[in-house]
Amino acid sequence: MTAPLRFGTALRSPYDVAQNAKYIEDLGFDVIGCGEHVSFYGETANGFVSLSVAAGATSRVQLMSAITLVPLYPAALLAKLGAALDVASGGRFMLGVGVGGEYPKEFEACGVPVRQRGSRTDEALEVLHRTWSQTDVTFHGKYTTLNEFSLKPLPIQKPRPPIWVSGRKEVAMRRAAHYADGWLPYMYTPEQLAESIEQIKKFGEDAGRDMRDFTPGVFLFTAVHEDQAQGFKMANDKLSVQYAQDFTKLTAKYTLAGNPDHCRARLKEYLDAGARFVFVSTACPDDYIDRNLALIAEEIVKPSRGA
């Protein structure tokens, strides 16, 4: 059975979280997400803290850590934070998984070697699968030791909160096939998305997993404006600063930017490629974020749901 089409968007600021979360829910989005860094080029939030505030300000939307830098957390602590947020929100938490590494200083500050980020993430996901669904867990890994360990209370969602793996490379696809319920790549074209979905299904089936309930998605930076050129300019300017590189040749390739007609047509390419969850993250000036989200909700999301 085909999964229903869902849309999410990100809290784009560590400030005014409750107000922004309520605004997003009122616009009709299905998921509120929050990214994080310990330290980065600009101001960033912590996903668990901001989403806990969003949980208290909303009642319907799911709350996605998009994306948690998994290797920076001790696995047992990550399990507790996720379980606690699921309980506090009434069963609305979704864990988005990333390995990070693009800003090595935060790994250094946390005492985690960048080269260990993949192996730490895989081990943490194994721990999450066990500790979110079982009690008295014993696990002896490379980085984690559990002896009859139990989370109390366990998450509300059964068998556990959904896990979504983000990334771009084959190792992330293998991680998604082995541990995740969904795939949320970023900086992807529709063609790359379609190829990755097929590859993940193959990895899962090779491992003996039933992939029928696996949900493909895509993470898209977005700037919608009535003027096509202005939409592209906003996205390019924002992302060039955010990632400290020139995005001139990347904006059209990887983002949902421009006027509503163009964005709807581009989104359809991602939906035709297999996306059933579309997470849009605004790439525009701060004083345009509310207008951008309103245009996305009215001109992009509603027509796409009816397609």
Protein backbone atom coordinates (compact mmCIF):
# COMPACT_ATOMS: atom_id res chain seq x y z
CA MET A 1 0.00 0.00 0.00
CA THR A 2 1.35 3.44 -0.94
CA ALA A 3 2.09 5.67 2.03
CA PRO A 4 0.07 8.91 2.21
CA LEU A 5 1.88 12.02 1.05
CA ARG A 6 3.09 14.11 4.01
CA PHE A 7 4.84 17.45 4.31
CA GLY A 8 7.13 18.81 6.99
CA THR A 9 9.05 21.99 7.56
CA ALA A 10 11.76 23.17 9.91
CA LEU A 11 11.93 25.59 12.78
CA ARG A 12 14.43 27.94 11.25
CA SER A 13 15.46 29.75 14.42
CA PRO A 14 16.36 28.90 18.02
CA TYR A 15 14.15 31.84 19.03
CA ASP A 16 10.34 32.15 19.42
CA VAL A 17 10.00 28.38 19.09
CA ALA A 18 6.50 28.04 20.57
CA GLN A 19 5.08 30.78 18.36
CA ASN A 20 6.74 29.42 15.23
CA ALA A 21 5.65 25.84 15.95
CA LYS A 22 2.02 26.88 16.37
CA TYR A 23 2.19 28.85 13.12
CA ILE A 24 3.51 25.81 11.26
CA GLU A 25 0.82 23.56 12.70
CA ASP A 26 -1.90 26.06 11.81
CA LEU A 27 -0.66 26.16 8.21
CA GLY A 28 -1.43 22.43 7.95
CA PHE A 29 2.00 20.84 7.87
CA ASP A 30 2.21 17.25 9.11
CA VAL A 31 5.66 17.45 10.69
CA ILE A 32 7.72 20.10 12.45
CA GLY A 33 11.45 19.50 12.32
CA CYS A 34 14.50 20.99 13.97
CA GLY A 35 18.12 20.62 13.03
CA GLU A 36 21.04 21.02 15.35
CA HIS A 37 24.74 21.55 15.80
CA VAL A 38 26.82 21.94 18.92
CA SER A 39 28.66 24.67 17.02
CA PHE A 40 28.38 25.73 13.38
CA TYR A 41 28.91 28.69 11.04
CA GLY A 42 25.79 30.48 12.32
CA GLU A 43 23.32 30.23 15.18
CA THR A 44 21.80 26.78 15.65
CA ALA A 45 19.38 25.04 18.01
CA ASN A 46 19.42 21.73 19.81
CA GLY A 47 16.75 19.50 18.34
CA PHE A 48 15.54 17.88 21.55
CA VAL A 49 15.28 21.18 23.42
CA SER A 50 13.46 23.08 20.68
CA LEU A 51 11.14 20.19 19.85
CA SER A 52 10.18 19.84 23.51
CA VAL A 53 9.08 23.49 23.44
CA ALA A 54 7.23 22.85 20.16
CA ALA A 55 5.50 19.84 21.72
CA GLY A 56 3.94 22.03 24.38
CA ALA A 57 2.73 24.57 21.82
CA THR A 58 1.10 22.06 19.45
CA SER A 59 -1.26 19.11 19.59
CA ARG A 60 -1.33 17.42 16.19
CA VAL A 61 1.92 17.61 14.23
CA GLN A 62 4.70 15.09 14.57
CA LEU A 63 8.05 16.33 15.83
CA MET A 64 11.14 15.33 13.87
CA SER A 65 14.74 15.86 14.87
CA ALA A 66 15.92 16.81 11.40
CA ILE A 67 18.69 16.03 11.79
CA THR A 68 20.19 14.66 15.04
CA LEU A 69 23.97 14.34 14.95
CA VAL A 70 23.87 10.85 16.39
CA PRO A 71 27.60 10.21 16.91
CA LEU A 72 27.90 13.20 19.26
CA TYR A 73 25.60 11.54 21.82
CA PRO A 74 26.31 8.57 24.08
CA ALA A 75 23.86 5.98 22.73
CA ALA A 76 22.06 5.45 26.05
CA LEU A 77 21.60 9.20 26.54
CA LEU A 78 20.23 9.54 23.00
CA ALA A 79 17.81 6.70 23.70
CA LYS A 80 16.60 8.43 26.86
CA LEU A 81 16.15 11.81 25.18
CA GLY A 82 14.14 10.29 22.33
CA ALA A 83 11.98 8.21 24.66
CA ALA A 84 11.37 11.17 26.95
CA LEU A 85 10.33 13.43 24.08
CA ASP A 86 8.00 10.76 22.70
CA VAL A 87 6.33 10.45 26.10
CA ALA A 88 6.17 14.21 26.69
CA SER A 89 4.62 14.83 23.25
CA GLY A 90 2.05 12.05 23.50
CA GLY A 91 3.77 9.82 20.96
CA ARG A 92 4.71 12.32 18.24
CA PHE A 93 8.51 12.01 18.03
CA MET A 94 10.42 11.02 14.89
CA LEU A 95 14.21 10.58 14.99
CA GLY A 96 16.12 11.94 12.02
CA VAL A 97 19.61 10.46 11.81
CA GLY A 98 22.74 12.07 10.44
CA VAL A 99 26.47 11.52 10.98
CA GLY A 100 27.63 15.13 10.53
CA GLY A 101 31.32 15.78 10.08
CA GLU A 102 31.19 18.90 7.93
CA TYR A 103 32.19 21.00 10.95
CA PRO A 104 35.01 19.08 12.67
CA LYS A 105 35.39 21.57 15.54
CA GLU A 106 32.16 20.36 17.15
CA PHE A 107 33.40 16.77 17.08
CA GLU A 108 36.68 17.86 18.65
CA ALA A 109 34.77 19.76 21.35
CA CYS A 110 32.69 16.66 22.16
CA GLY A 111 35.70 14.35 22.25
CA VAL A 112 34.48 12.29 19.28
CA PRO A 113 36.89 11.53 16.42
CA VAL A 114 35.31 12.46 13.08
CA ARG A 115 36.51 9.18 11.57
CA GLN A 116 34.34 7.25 14.05
CA ARG A 117 31.09 9.00 13.14
CA GLY A 118 29.75 6.22 10.94
CA SER A 119 30.53 3.31 13.26
CA ARG A 120 29.23 5.23 16.28
CA THR A 121 25.98 5.97 14.46
CA ASP A 122 25.40 2.35 13.45
CA GLU A 123 26.04 1.14 16.98
CA ALA A 124 23.74 3.79 18.43
CA LEU A 125 20.95 2.73 16.07
CA GLU A 126 21.34 -0.85 17.24
CA VAL A 127 21.06 0.37 20.83
CA LEU A 128 17.96 2.45 20.01
CA HIS A 129 16.20 -0.49 18.39
CA ARG A 130 16.71 -2.55 21.52
CA THR A 131 16.25 -0.01 24.30
CA TRP A 132 13.15 1.62 22.76
CA SER A 133 11.31 -1.70 22.56
CA GLN A 134 12.75 -3.89 25.35
CA THR A 135 13.75 -3.75 29.01
CA ASP A 136 16.73 -5.32 30.77
CA VAL A 137 18.87 -4.88 27.68
CA THR A 138 22.40 -6.25 27.69
CA PHE A 139 24.65 -4.98 24.91
CA HIS A 140 28.43 -4.93 24.64
CA GLY A 141 29.59 -2.87 21.70
CA LYS A 142 32.69 -0.92 20.74
CA TYR A 143 31.39 2.32 22.28
CA THR A 144 28.44 1.24 24.44
CA THR A 145 28.10 -1.19 27.33
CA LEU A 146 24.65 -2.00 28.72
CA ASN A 147 23.99 -4.51 31.46
CA GLU A 148 20.31 -5.18 32.11
CA PHE A 149 19.57 -1.60 31.09
CA SER A 150 15.98 -0.31 30.94
CA LEU A 151 14.41 2.97 29.95
CA LYS A 152 11.48 3.92 32.14
CA PRO A 153 9.13 4.88 30.71
CA LEU A 154 9.53 3.35 27.27
CA PRO A 155 8.38 5.41 24.27
CA ILE A 156 4.64 5.59 23.66
CA GLN A 157 4.90 4.61 20.00
CA LYS A 158 5.18 0.87 19.39
CA PRO A 159 7.36 -0.89 18.65
CA ARG A 160 9.36 2.39 18.81
CA PRO A 161 9.43 5.92 17.38
CA PRO A 162 10.08 6.09 13.63
CA ILE A 163 13.68 6.41 12.51
CA TRP A 164 14.61 8.34 9.36
CA VAL A 165 18.13 8.25 7.96
CA SER A 166 19.48 11.24 6.09
CA GLY A 167 22.56 11.42 3.91
CA ARG A 168 23.74 11.27 0.33
CA LYS A 169 26.12 8.35 -0.05
CA GLU A 170 25.82 4.57 -0.34
CA VAL A 171 26.82 4.02 3.28
CA ALA A 172 23.79 6.10 4.35
CA MET A 173 21.56 4.04 2.05
CA ARG A 174 22.81 0.83 3.68
CA ARG A 175 22.15 2.38 7.10
CA ALA A 176 18.61 3.26 6.05
CA ALA A 177 17.97 -0.25 4.73
CA HIS A 178 19.16 -1.87 7.95
CA TYR A 179 17.87 0.45 10.66
CA ALA A 180 15.35 2.99 9.38
CA ASP A 181 11.69 3.36 8.53
CA GLY A 182 12.35 6.13 6.04
CA TRP A 183 14.97 7.79 3.84
CA LEU A 184 15.47 11.56 3.83
CA PRO A 185 18.35 12.53 1.52
CA TYR A 186 19.31 16.16 0.93
CA MET A 187 20.98 17.99 -1.97
CA TYR A 188 19.47 15.40 -4.32
CA THR A 189 17.99 15.64 -7.80
CA PRO A 190 14.84 13.65 -8.63
CA GLU A 191 16.99 11.26 -10.64
CA GLN A 192 19.30 10.67 -7.68
CA LEU A 193 16.30 10.11 -5.43
CA ALA A 194 14.83 7.45 -7.71
CA GLU A 195 18.17 5.65 -7.95
CA SER A 196 18.69 5.75 -4.19
CA ILE A 197 15.24 4.32 -3.48
CA GLU A 198 15.91 1.35 -5.72
CA GLN A 199 19.32 0.82 -4.13
CA ILE A 200 17.90 0.93 -0.59
CA LYS A 201 15.19 -1.57 -1.49
CA LYS A 202 17.85 -3.89 -2.89
CA PHE A 203 20.02 -3.57 0.24
CA GLY A 204 17.02 -4.31 2.43
CA GLU A 205 15.83 -7.28 0.42
CA ASP A 206 19.36 -8.69 0.30
CA ALA A 207 19.33 -8.54 4.12
CA GLY A 208 16.00 -10.35 4.25
CA ARG A 209 13.94 -7.31 5.18
CA ASP A 210 10.39 -6.67 3.97
CA MET A 211 10.66 -3.18 2.46
CA ARG A 212 6.97 -2.63 1.70
CA ASP A 213 6.52 -0.33 4.71
CA PHE A 214 9.68 1.67 4.05
CA THR A 215 8.90 5.31 3.18
CA PRO A 216 11.11 7.37 0.83
CA GLY A 217 11.32 11.10 1.36
CA VAL A 218 13.41 14.10 0.40
CA PHE A 219 14.76 17.17 2.22
CA LEU A 220 14.54 20.32 0.09
CA PHE A 221 15.68 23.85 0.82
CA THR A 222 12.91 26.15 -0.35
CA ALA A 223 12.32 29.77 -1.29
CA VAL A 224 9.01 30.52 -3.01
CA HIS A 225 8.33 33.98 -4.40
CA GLU A 226 5.93 35.35 -7.00
CA ASP A 227 9.00 36.50 -8.91
CA GLN A 228 11.04 33.55 -10.21
CA ALA A 229 14.40 35.31 -10.16
CA GLN A 230 13.86 36.62 -6.63
CA GLY A 231 13.07 33.14 -5.33
CA PHE A 232 16.29 31.79 -6.79
CA LYS A 233 18.30 34.74 -5.47
CA MET A 234 16.98 34.31 -1.92
CA ALA A 235 17.86 30.62 -1.86
CA ASN A 236 21.30 31.19 -3.36
CA ASP A 237 22.17 34.00 -0.97
CA LYS A 238 20.99 32.12 2.12
CA LEU A 239 22.66 28.80 1.32
CA SER A 240 25.94 30.38 0.19
CA VAL A 241 26.30 31.92 3.65
CA GLN A 242 24.93 28.90 5.54
CA TYR A 243 27.38 26.47 3.94
CA ALA A 244 30.24 28.93 3.36
CA GLN A 245 30.43 28.20 -0.38
CA ASP A 246 29.06 29.56 -3.64
CA PHE A 247 25.68 27.95 -4.41
CA THR A 248 25.20 29.65 -7.78
CA LYS A 249 25.46 26.38 -9.72
CA LEU A 250 23.65 24.31 -7.09
CA THR A 251 20.46 26.26 -6.35
CA ALA A 252 18.53 25.23 -9.46
CA LYS A 253 19.80 21.67 -9.20
CA TYR A 254 18.99 20.89 -5.59
CA THR A 255 16.42 23.35 -4.22
CA LEU A 256 12.72 24.09 -4.56
CA ALA A 257 13.08 27.76 -5.41
CA GLY A 258 11.32 30.20 -7.69
CA ASN A 259 7.69 31.04 -8.38
CA PRO A 260 4.82 28.74 -7.33
CA ASP A 261 4.29 27.27 -10.81
CA HIS A 262 7.94 26.35 -11.14
CA CYS A 263 8.07 24.90 -7.63
CA ARG A 264 4.97 22.76 -8.16
CA ALA A 265 6.41 21.38 -11.38
CA ARG A 266 9.74 20.67 -9.75
CA LEU A 267 8.08 19.03 -6.74
CA LYS A 268 6.11 16.75 -9.07
CA GLU A 269 9.42 15.42 -10.37
CA TYR A 270 10.38 14.39 -6.83
CA LEU A 271 6.98 12.82 -6.22
CA ASP A 272 7.21 10.93 -9.52
CA ALA A 273 10.66 9.72 -8.39
CA GLY A 274 9.04 8.12 -5.34
CA ALA A 275 9.01 10.68 -2.50
CA ARG A 276 6.11 10.24 -0.05
CA PHE A 277 7.43 12.63 2.58
CA VAL A 278 8.67 16.07 1.57
CA PHE A 279 10.53 18.10 4.17
CA VAL A 280 11.02 21.72 3.16
CA SER A 281 13.46 23.96 4.97
CA THR A 282 13.19 27.67 4.23
CA ALA A 283 16.15 29.30 2.51
CA CYS A 284 15.27 32.97 2.59
CA PRO A 285 15.77 36.11 4.71
CA ASP A 286 14.39 35.97 8.24
CA ASP A 287 11.77 38.62 7.54
CA TYR A 288 10.40 36.52 4.67
CA ILE A 289 10.12 33.17 6.46
CA ASP A 290 6.45 33.51 7.44
CA ARG A 291 5.50 34.57 3.92
CA ASN A 292 7.56 31.75 2.44
CA LEU A 293 5.86 29.13 4.63
CA ALA A 294 2.41 30.53 3.82
CA LEU A 295 3.13 30.35 0.07
CA ILE A 296 4.45 26.80 0.42
CA ALA A 297 1.34 25.74 2.33
CA GLU A 298 -1.16 27.38 0.00
CA GLU A 299 0.55 27.17 -3.40
CA ILE A 300 2.63 24.00 -3.11
CA VAL A 301 1.34 21.67 -0.39
CA LYS A 302 -2.42 21.95 -0.90
CA PRO A 303 -2.33 21.47 -4.69
CA SER A 304 0.08 18.54 -4.33
CA ARG A 305 -2.16 16.78 -1.83
CA GLY A 306 -5.01 17.01 -4.30
CA ALA A 307 -2.98 15.74 -7.25
